[in-house]
C-alpha atoms as a PDB file:
ATOM      1  CA  HIS A   1     142.534  56.753 -54.415  1.00  0.00           C
ATOM      2  CA  ARG A   2     145.448  54.936 -52.790  1.00  0.00           C
ATOM      3  CA  ALA A   3     147.699  55.851 -55.705  1.00  0.00           C
ATOM      4  CA  LEU A   4     146.776  59.525 -55.442  1.00  0.00           C
ATOM      5  CA  LEU A   5     147.366  59.495 -51.697  1.00  0.00           C
ATOM      6  CA  ASP A   6     150.793  58.043 -52.427  1.00  0.00           C
ATOM      7  CA  ALA A   7     151.466  60.772 -55.008  1.00  0.00           C
ATOM      8  CA  ARG A   8     150.380  63.413 -52.510  1.00  0.00           C
ATOM      9  CA  ASP A   9     152.750  62.087 -49.857  1.00  0.00           C
ATOM     10  CA  LYS A  10     155.694  61.785 -52.239  1.00  0.00           C
ATOM     11  CA  SER A  11     155.350  64.903 -54.368  1.00  0.00           C
ATOM     12  CA  GLY A  12     153.403  67.297 -52.150  1.00  0.00           C
ATOM     13  CA  ILE A  13     150.409  67.784 -54.454  1.00  0.00           C
ATOM     14  CA  SER A  14     147.066  68.910 -53.091  1.00  0.00           C
ATOM     15  CA  TYR A  15     144.448  66.193 -53.551  1.00  0.00           C
ATOM     16  CA  ASP A  16     140.671  66.382 -53.129  1.00  0.00           C
ATOM     17  CA  PHE A  17     138.107  63.752 -54.073  1.00  0.00           C
ATOM     18  CA  ALA A  18     134.393  63.102 -54.360  1.00  0.00           C
ATOM     19  CA  GLN A  19     132.947  59.712 -53.445  1.00  0.00           C
ATOM     20  CA  ASN A  20     129.553  57.981 -53.620  1.00  0.00           C
ATOM     21  CA  THR A  21     129.036  59.757 -56.940  1.00  0.00           C
ATOM     22  CA  GLY A  22     126.055  58.371 -58.812  1.00  0.00           C
ATOM     23  CA  TYR A  23     125.625  58.640 -62.565  1.00  0.00           C
ATOM     24  CA  GLN A  24     122.965  61.298 -62.093  1.00  0.00           C
ATOM     25  CA  ASP A  25     125.430  63.555 -60.202  1.00  0.00           C
ATOM     26  CA  PHE A  26     128.483  62.778 -62.312  1.00  0.00           C
ATOM     27  CA  GLU A  27     128.373  65.694 -64.737  1.00  0.00           C
ATOM     28  CA  SER A  28     127.594  68.389 -62.170  1.00  0.00           C
ATOM     29  CA  ILE A  29     130.406  67.260 -59.861  1.00  0.00           C
ATOM     30  CA  LEU A  30     132.852  66.998 -62.752  1.00  0.00           C
ATOM     31  CA  ARG A  31     132.014  70.497 -63.984  1.00  0.00           C
ATOM     32  CA  ARG A  32     132.302  71.862 -60.463  1.00  0.00           C
ATOM     33  CA  HIS A  33     135.821  70.434 -60.180  1.00  0.00           C
ATOM     34  CA  CYS A  34     136.702  72.037 -63.512  1.00  0.00           C
ATOM     35  CA  ALA A  35     135.454  75.417 -62.300  1.00  0.00           C
ATOM     36  CA  GLU A  36     137.495  75.092 -59.103  1.00  0.00           C
ATOM     37  CA  GLY A  37     140.738  75.251 -61.059  1.00  0.00           C
ATOM     38  CA  TYR A  38     142.380  71.862 -60.539  1.00  0.00           C
ATOM     39  CA  ASP A  39     145.502  71.087 -62.558  1.00  0.00           C
ATOM     40  CA  LEU A  40     144.463  67.476 -63.158  1.00  0.00           C
ATOM     41  CA  ILE A  41     141.174  65.597 -62.864  1.00  0.00           C
ATOM     42  CA  VAL A  42     141.262  61.815 -62.469  1.00  0.00           C
ATOM     43  CA  GLY A  43     138.343  59.415 -62.427  1.00  0.00           C
ATOM     44  CA  ASP A  44     136.494  56.457 -63.865  1.00  0.00           C
ATOM     45  CA  ALA A  45     134.560  57.121 -67.066  1.00  0.00           C
ATOM     46  CA  PHE A  46     133.299  53.617 -67.881  1.00  0.00           C
ATOM     47  CA  GLY A  47     129.678  54.387 -67.037  1.00  0.00           C
ATOM     48  CA  SER A  48     129.811  58.030 -68.173  1.00  0.00           C
ATOM     49  CA  GLU A  49     132.010  57.968 -71.272  1.00  0.00           C
ATOM     50  CA  GLN A  50     130.117  60.557 -73.294  1.00  0.00           C
ATOM     51  CA  LEU A  51     129.754  62.966 -70.382  1.00  0.00           C
ATOM     52  CA  VAL A  52     133.477  62.919 -69.606  1.00  0.00           C
ATOM     53  CA  ARG A  53     134.350  63.583 -73.240  1.00  0.00           C
ATOM     54  CA  GLU A  54     131.898  66.470 -73.494  1.00  0.00           C
ATOM     55  CA  VAL A  55     133.224  68.093 -70.324  1.00  0.00           C
ATOM     56  CA  ALA A  56     136.846  67.605 -71.443  1.00  0.00           C
ATOM     57  CA  ASP A  57     136.010  69.356 -74.709  1.00  0.00           C
ATOM     58  CA  ASP A  58     134.458  72.250 -72.765  1.00  0.00           C
ATOM     59  CA  PHE A  59     137.607  72.657 -70.617  1.00  0.00           C
ATOM     60  CA  PRO A  60     140.490  72.185 -73.082  1.00  0.00           C
ATOM     61  CA  ASP A  61     143.126  73.642 -70.729  1.00  0.00           C
ATOM     62  CA  ILE A  62     142.535  71.039 -68.004  1.00  0.00           C
ATOM     63  CA  PRO A  63     144.188  67.598 -68.284  1.00  0.00           C
ATOM     64  CA  PHE A  64     141.836  64.670 -67.670  1.00  0.00           C
ATOM     65  CA  PHE A  65     143.004  61.119 -66.852  1.00  0.00           C
ATOM     66  CA  PHE A  66     140.117  58.643 -66.818  1.00  0.00           C
ATOM     67  CA  GLY A  67     139.556  54.924 -66.784  1.00  0.00           C
ATOM     68  CA  SER A  68     137.956  54.191 -70.129  1.00  0.00           C
ATOM     69  CA  GLY A  69     137.247  51.526 -72.684  1.00  0.00           C
ATOM     70  CA  MET A  70     137.692  54.061 -75.477  1.00  0.00           C
ATOM     71  CA  GLU A  71     140.550  56.056 -76.993  1.00  0.00           C
ATOM     72  CA  PRO A  72     142.066  59.317 -75.724  1.00  0.00           C
ATOM     73  CA  ASN A  73     140.727  62.421 -77.426  1.00  0.00           C
ATOM     74  CA  GLY A  74     144.163  63.496 -78.668  1.00  0.00           C
ATOM     75  CA  LYS A  75     144.018  66.785 -76.779  1.00  0.00           C
ATOM     76  CA  ASN A  76     143.467  66.855 -73.044  1.00  0.00           C
ATOM     77  CA  LEU A  77     141.903  63.481 -72.198  1.00  0.00           C
ATOM     78  CA  SER A  78     144.269  60.592 -71.471  1.00  0.00           C
ATOM     79  CA  VAL A  79     142.830  57.185 -70.639  1.00  0.00           C
ATOM     80  CA  PHE A  80     143.837  54.148 -68.629  1.00  0.00           C
ATOM     81  CA  ASP A  81     142.598  50.612 -68.464  1.00  0.00           C
ATOM     82  CA  ASN A  82     143.892  47.470 -66.806  1.00  0.00           C
ATOM     83  CA  LEU A  83     145.145  44.113 -68.022  1.00  0.00           C
ATOM     84  CA  ILE A  84     143.814  42.350 -64.943  1.00  0.00           C
ATOM     85  CA  HIS A  85     142.209  39.664 -67.093  1.00  0.00           C
ATOM     86  CA  GLU A  86     145.724  38.256 -67.518  1.00  0.00           C
ATOM     87  CA  PRO A  87     146.259  37.407 -63.815  1.00  0.00           C
ATOM     88  CA  ALA A  88     142.598  36.322 -63.759  1.00  0.00           C
ATOM     89  CA  TRP A  89     143.593  33.612 -66.249  1.00  0.00           C
ATOM     90  CA  LEU A  90     146.429  32.496 -63.961  1.00  0.00           C
ATOM     91  CA  ALA A  91     144.113  32.538 -60.948  1.00  0.00           C
ATOM     92  CA  GLY A  92     141.697  30.360 -62.905  1.00  0.00           C
ATOM     93  CA  MET A  93     144.511  27.866 -63.414  1.00  0.00           C
ATOM     94  CA  ALA A  94     144.968  27.761 -59.647  1.00  0.00           C
ATOM     95  CA  ALA A  95     141.237  27.219 -59.110  1.00  0.00           C
ATOM     96  CA  GLY A  96     141.096  24.456 -61.695  1.00  0.00           C
ATOM     97  CA  SER A  97     143.980  22.735 -59.955  1.00  0.00           C
ATOM     98  CA  ILE A  98     142.565  22.746 -56.426  1.00  0.00           C
ATOM     99  CA  THR A  99     138.849  22.036 -56.941  1.00  0.00           C
ATOM    100  CA  GLN A 100     137.844  18.608 -55.666  1.00  0.00           C
ATOM    101  CA  LYS A 101     134.257  18.640 -56.920  1.00  0.00           C
ATOM    102  CA  ASN A 102     134.980  20.217 -60.314  1.00  0.00           C
ATOM    103  CA  ARG A 103     132.544  22.997 -59.423  1.00  0.00           C
ATOM    104  CA  ILE A 104     133.760  26.596 -59.209  1.00  0.00           C
ATOM    105  CA  GLY A 105     131.684  29.648 -58.373  1.00  0.00           C
ATOM    106  CA  SER A 106     132.069  33.347 -59.006  1.00  0.00           C
ATOM    107  CA  VAL A 107     130.472  36.325 -57.291  1.00  0.00           C
ATOM    108  CA  ALA A 108     130.603  39.232 -59.747  1.00  0.00           C
ATOM    109  CA  ALA A 109     129.229  42.763 -59.965  1.00  0.00           C
ATOM    110  CA  LYS A 110     127.341  43.317 -63.218  1.00  0.00           C
ATOM    111  CA  SER A 111     127.263  41.549 -66.564  1.00  0.00           C
ATOM    112  CA  ILE A 112     129.273  44.217 -68.395  1.00  0.00           C
ATOM    113  CA  PRO A 113     132.421  43.832 -70.531  1.00  0.00           C
ATOM    114  CA  GLU A 114     134.794  45.112 -67.819  1.00  0.00           C
ATOM    115  CA  VAL A 115     133.581  42.377 -65.460  1.00  0.00           C
ATOM    116  CA  ASN A 116     132.879  39.593 -67.926  1.00  0.00           C
ATOM    117  CA  ARG A 117     136.361  39.664 -69.417  1.00  0.00           C
ATOM    118  CA  LEU A 118     137.689  38.774 -65.948  1.00  0.00           C
ATOM    119  CA  ILE A 119     135.171  35.981 -65.504  1.00  0.00           C
ATOM    120  CA  ASN A 120     135.854  34.635 -68.997  1.00  0.00           C
ATOM    121  CA  ALA A 121     139.621  34.744 -68.461  1.00  0.00           C
ATOM    122  CA  PHE A 122     139.215  32.984 -65.112  1.00  0.00           C
ATOM    123  CA  ILE A 123     137.062  30.265 -66.704  1.00  0.00           C
ATOM    124  CA  SER A 124     139.554  29.862 -69.535  1.00  0.00           C
ATOM    125  CA  GLY A 125     142.433  29.403 -67.089  1.00  0.00           C
ATOM    126  CA  ALA A 126     140.507  26.890 -65.005  1.00  0.00           C
ATOM    127  CA  THR A 127     139.512  24.768 -68.005  1.00  0.00           C
ATOM    128  CA  GLU A 128     143.109  24.875 -69.219  1.00  0.00           C
ATOM    129  CA  MET A 129     143.979  22.848 -66.119  1.00  0.00           C
ATOM    130  CA  ASN A 130     140.767  20.869 -65.718  1.00  0.00           C
ATOM    131  CA  GLN A 131     138.342  20.340 -68.592  1.00  0.00           C
ATOM    132  CA  GLN A 132     135.817  18.686 -66.263  1.00  0.00           C
ATOM    133  CA  VAL A 133     135.190  21.822 -64.229  1.00  0.00           C
ATOM    134  CA  LYS A 134     131.792  23.550 -64.306  1.00  0.00           C
ATOM    135  CA  PHE A 135     130.975  27.104 -63.282  1.00  0.00           C
ATOM    136  CA  GLU A 136     128.232  28.903 -61.404  1.00  0.00           C
ATOM    137  CA  ILE A 137     128.113  32.716 -61.589  1.00  0.00           C
ATOM    138  CA  ILE A 138     125.998  35.113 -59.527  1.00  0.00           C
ATOM    139  CA  TYR A 139     125.879  38.827 -60.379  1.00  0.00           C
ATOM    140  CA  THR A 140     125.060  41.032 -57.392  1.00  0.00           C
ATOM    141  CA  ASP A 141     124.214  44.044 -59.590  1.00  0.00           C
ATOM    142  CA  ASP A 142     126.288  46.168 -57.187  1.00  0.00           C
ATOM    143  CA  PHE A 143     129.911  47.223 -57.421  1.00  0.00           C
ATOM    144  CA  TYR A 144     130.268  47.502 -53.663  1.00  0.00           C
ATOM    145  CA  TYR A 145     127.812  45.841 -51.292  1.00  0.00           C
ATOM    146  CA  PRO A 146     129.688  43.227 -49.199  1.00  0.00           C
ATOM    147  CA  PRO A 147     126.574  41.792 -47.490  1.00  0.00           C
ATOM    148  CA  LYS A 148     125.025  40.983 -50.880  1.00  0.00           C
ATOM    149  CA  ALA A 149     128.281  39.383 -52.082  1.00  0.00           C
ATOM    150  CA  ASP A 150     128.426  37.370 -48.858  1.00  0.00           C
ATOM    151  CA  SER A 151     124.872  36.129 -49.445  1.00  0.00           C
ATOM    152  CA  ALA A 152     125.655  35.251 -53.076  1.00  0.00           C
ATOM    153  CA  ALA A 153     128.711  33.245 -52.020  1.00  0.00           C
ATOM    154  CA  GLU A 154     126.612  31.446 -49.415  1.00  0.00           C
ATOM    155  CA  GLN A 155     124.160  30.473 -52.163  1.00  0.00           C
ATOM    156  CA  LEU A 156     126.961  29.163 -54.381  1.00  0.00           C
ATOM    157  CA  ILE A 157     128.381  27.105 -51.539  1.00  0.00           C
ATOM    158  CA  HIS A 158     124.981  25.540 -50.895  1.00  0.00           C
ATOM    159  CA  GLN A 159     124.854  24.698 -54.601  1.00  0.00           C
ATOM    160  CA  GLY A 160     128.038  22.666 -54.162  1.00  0.00           C
ATOM    161  CA  VAL A 161     130.937  24.798 -55.417  1.00  0.00           C
ATOM    162  CA  ASP A 162     134.201  24.254 -53.594  1.00  0.00           C
ATOM    163  CA  VAL A 163     136.271  27.210 -54.907  1.00  0.00           C
ATOM    164  CA  ILE A 164     135.028  30.798 -55.338  1.00  0.00           C
ATOM    165  CA  PHE A 165     136.337  33.708 -57.384  1.00  0.00           C
ATOM    166  CA  ALA A 166     135.317  36.743 -55.330  1.00  0.00           C
ATOM    167  CA  GLU A 167     135.223  39.378 -58.043  1.00  0.00           C
ATOM    168  CA  ARG A 168     133.299  41.466 -55.496  1.00  0.00           C
ATOM    169  CA  LYS A 169     134.280  42.157 -51.902  1.00  0.00           C
ATOM    170  CA  GLY A 170     132.259  40.272 -49.291  1.00  0.00           C
ATOM    171  CA  ALA A 171     132.222  36.813 -50.850  1.00  0.00           C
ATOM    172  CA  GLU A 172     135.294  35.896 -48.806  1.00  0.00           C
ATOM    173  CA  ILE A 173     133.217  36.101 -45.613  1.00  0.00           C
ATOM    174  CA  ALA A 174     131.046  33.120 -46.543  1.00  0.00           C
ATOM    175  CA  CYS A 175     134.130  31.278 -47.804  1.00  0.00           C
ATOM    176  CA  SER A 176     135.782  31.677 -44.418  1.00  0.00           C
ATOM    177  CA  ARG A 177     132.665  30.440 -42.618  1.00  0.00           C
ATOM    178  CA  HIS A 178     132.595  27.261 -44.692  1.00  0.00           C
ATOM    179  CA  GLY A 179     136.310  26.679 -45.294  1.00  0.00           C
ATOM    180  CA  ILE A 180     136.000  27.276 -49.069  1.00  0.00           C
ATOM    181  CA  PRO A 181     139.140  28.444 -50.943  1.00  0.00           C
ATOM    182  CA  VAL A 182     138.692  31.977 -52.258  1.00  0.00           C
ATOM    183  CA  ILE A 183     140.431  34.039 -54.937  1.00  0.00           C
ATOM    184  CA  ARG A 184     139.926  37.784 -54.726  1.00  0.00           C
ATOM    185  CA  LYS A 185     140.240  40.809 -56.996  1.00  0.00           C
ATOM    186  CA  MET A 186     141.892  44.082 -55.894  1.00  0.00           C
ATOM    187  CA  ASP A 187     142.261  43.336 -52.168  1.00  0.00           C
ATOM    188  CA  ASP A 188     144.929  41.126 -50.656  1.00  0.00           C
ATOM    189  CA  LEU A 189     142.899  39.021 -48.221  1.00  0.00           C
ATOM    190  CA  GLN A 190     145.824  37.087 -46.766  1.00  0.00           C
ATOM    191  CA  LYS A 191     145.459  38.839 -43.406  1.00  0.00           C
ATOM    192  CA  ASP A 192     141.651  38.852 -43.410  1.00  0.00           C
ATOM    193  CA  VAL A 193     140.907  35.209 -44.255  1.00  0.00           C
ATOM    194  CA  PRO A 194     144.265  33.400 -44.103  1.00  0.00           C
ATOM    195  CA  ASP A 195     142.553  30.051 -43.647  1.00  0.00           C
ATOM    196  CA  VAL A 196     140.949  30.078 -47.119  1.00  0.00           C
ATOM    197  CA  PHE A 197     142.873  32.694 -49.123  1.00  0.00           C
ATOM    198  CA  VAL A 198     144.484  31.363 -52.331  1.00  0.00           C
ATOM    199  CA  THR A 199     145.613  34.460 -54.232  1.00  0.00           C
ATOM    200  CA  SER A 200     144.452  37.888 -55.334  1.00  0.00           C
ATOM    201  CA  LEU A 201     144.561  39.943 -58.525  1.00  0.00           C
ATOM    202  CA  ILE A 202     146.247  43.211 -57.585  1.00  0.00           C
ATOM    203  CA  TRP A 203     145.930  46.299 -59.775  1.00  0.00           C
ATOM    204  CA  ASP A 204     148.504  48.948 -58.805  1.00  0.00           C
ATOM    205  CA  MET A 205     147.763  52.444 -60.135  1.00  0.00           C
ATOM    206  CA  LYS A 206     150.796  54.055 -58.470  1.00  0.00           C
ATOM    207  CA  PRO A 207     153.147  53.938 -61.509  1.00  0.00           C
ATOM    208  CA  ALA A 208     150.531  55.460 -63.832  1.00  0.00           C
ATOM    209  CA  LEU A 209     149.553  58.234 -61.414  1.00  0.00           C
ATOM    210  CA  SER A 210     153.169  58.999 -60.574  1.00  0.00           C
ATOM    211  CA  HIS A 211     153.905  59.399 -64.291  1.00  0.00           C
ATOM    212  CA  ILE A 212     150.933  61.677 -64.910  1.00  0.00           C
ATOM    213  CA  VAL A 213     151.649  63.825 -61.846  1.00  0.00           C
ATOM    214  CA  SER A 214     155.277  64.258 -62.945  1.00  0.00           C
ATOM    215  CA  LYS A 215     154.029  65.477 -66.347  1.00  0.00           C
ATOM    216  CA  ILE A 216     151.720  68.025 -64.744  1.00  0.00           C
END
């Protein structure tokens, strides 16, 4: 969304978006956008891979650009993914270096490949620096519910972890309350919790969206 706002401001495109889109509404909203005549449709297909591919096949003249764990269709569907597991490995090294109790926690969304590869990379980086470290992971089963992530982090802290990887937003709140170092994904928390912020994994979509928009 931020990348498309940036593209709108720089290149003058018209940009509309739908939010709070559940899986049950995904296909109808996607087909509605196709019928409305947009020159490019961008989104996240991870939970709706087959639907996106079926709709793209039904509208061959519309370019689609979707986050996906699969290949492009070779016609009108381009895909993007991220390599954010690589900085997750580096962040794990930082966590393994600063833990005093050798106990690190993670508050994550769901136990799916897109999330677990980050957790696994983080664990790998931490053990690279400190083979004594042990991990506690809590899945909130929500991609965005800060109060639940806050509660999960509180639970981890009571269990004795002294560094937390906040894969989900909200865990940093409990960390700030207790003075626990926190590493975040996506958001730069330096201004929000400067007392406990260690680093953050930033995924910048602006170059990719700028490239696609220039092609259109």
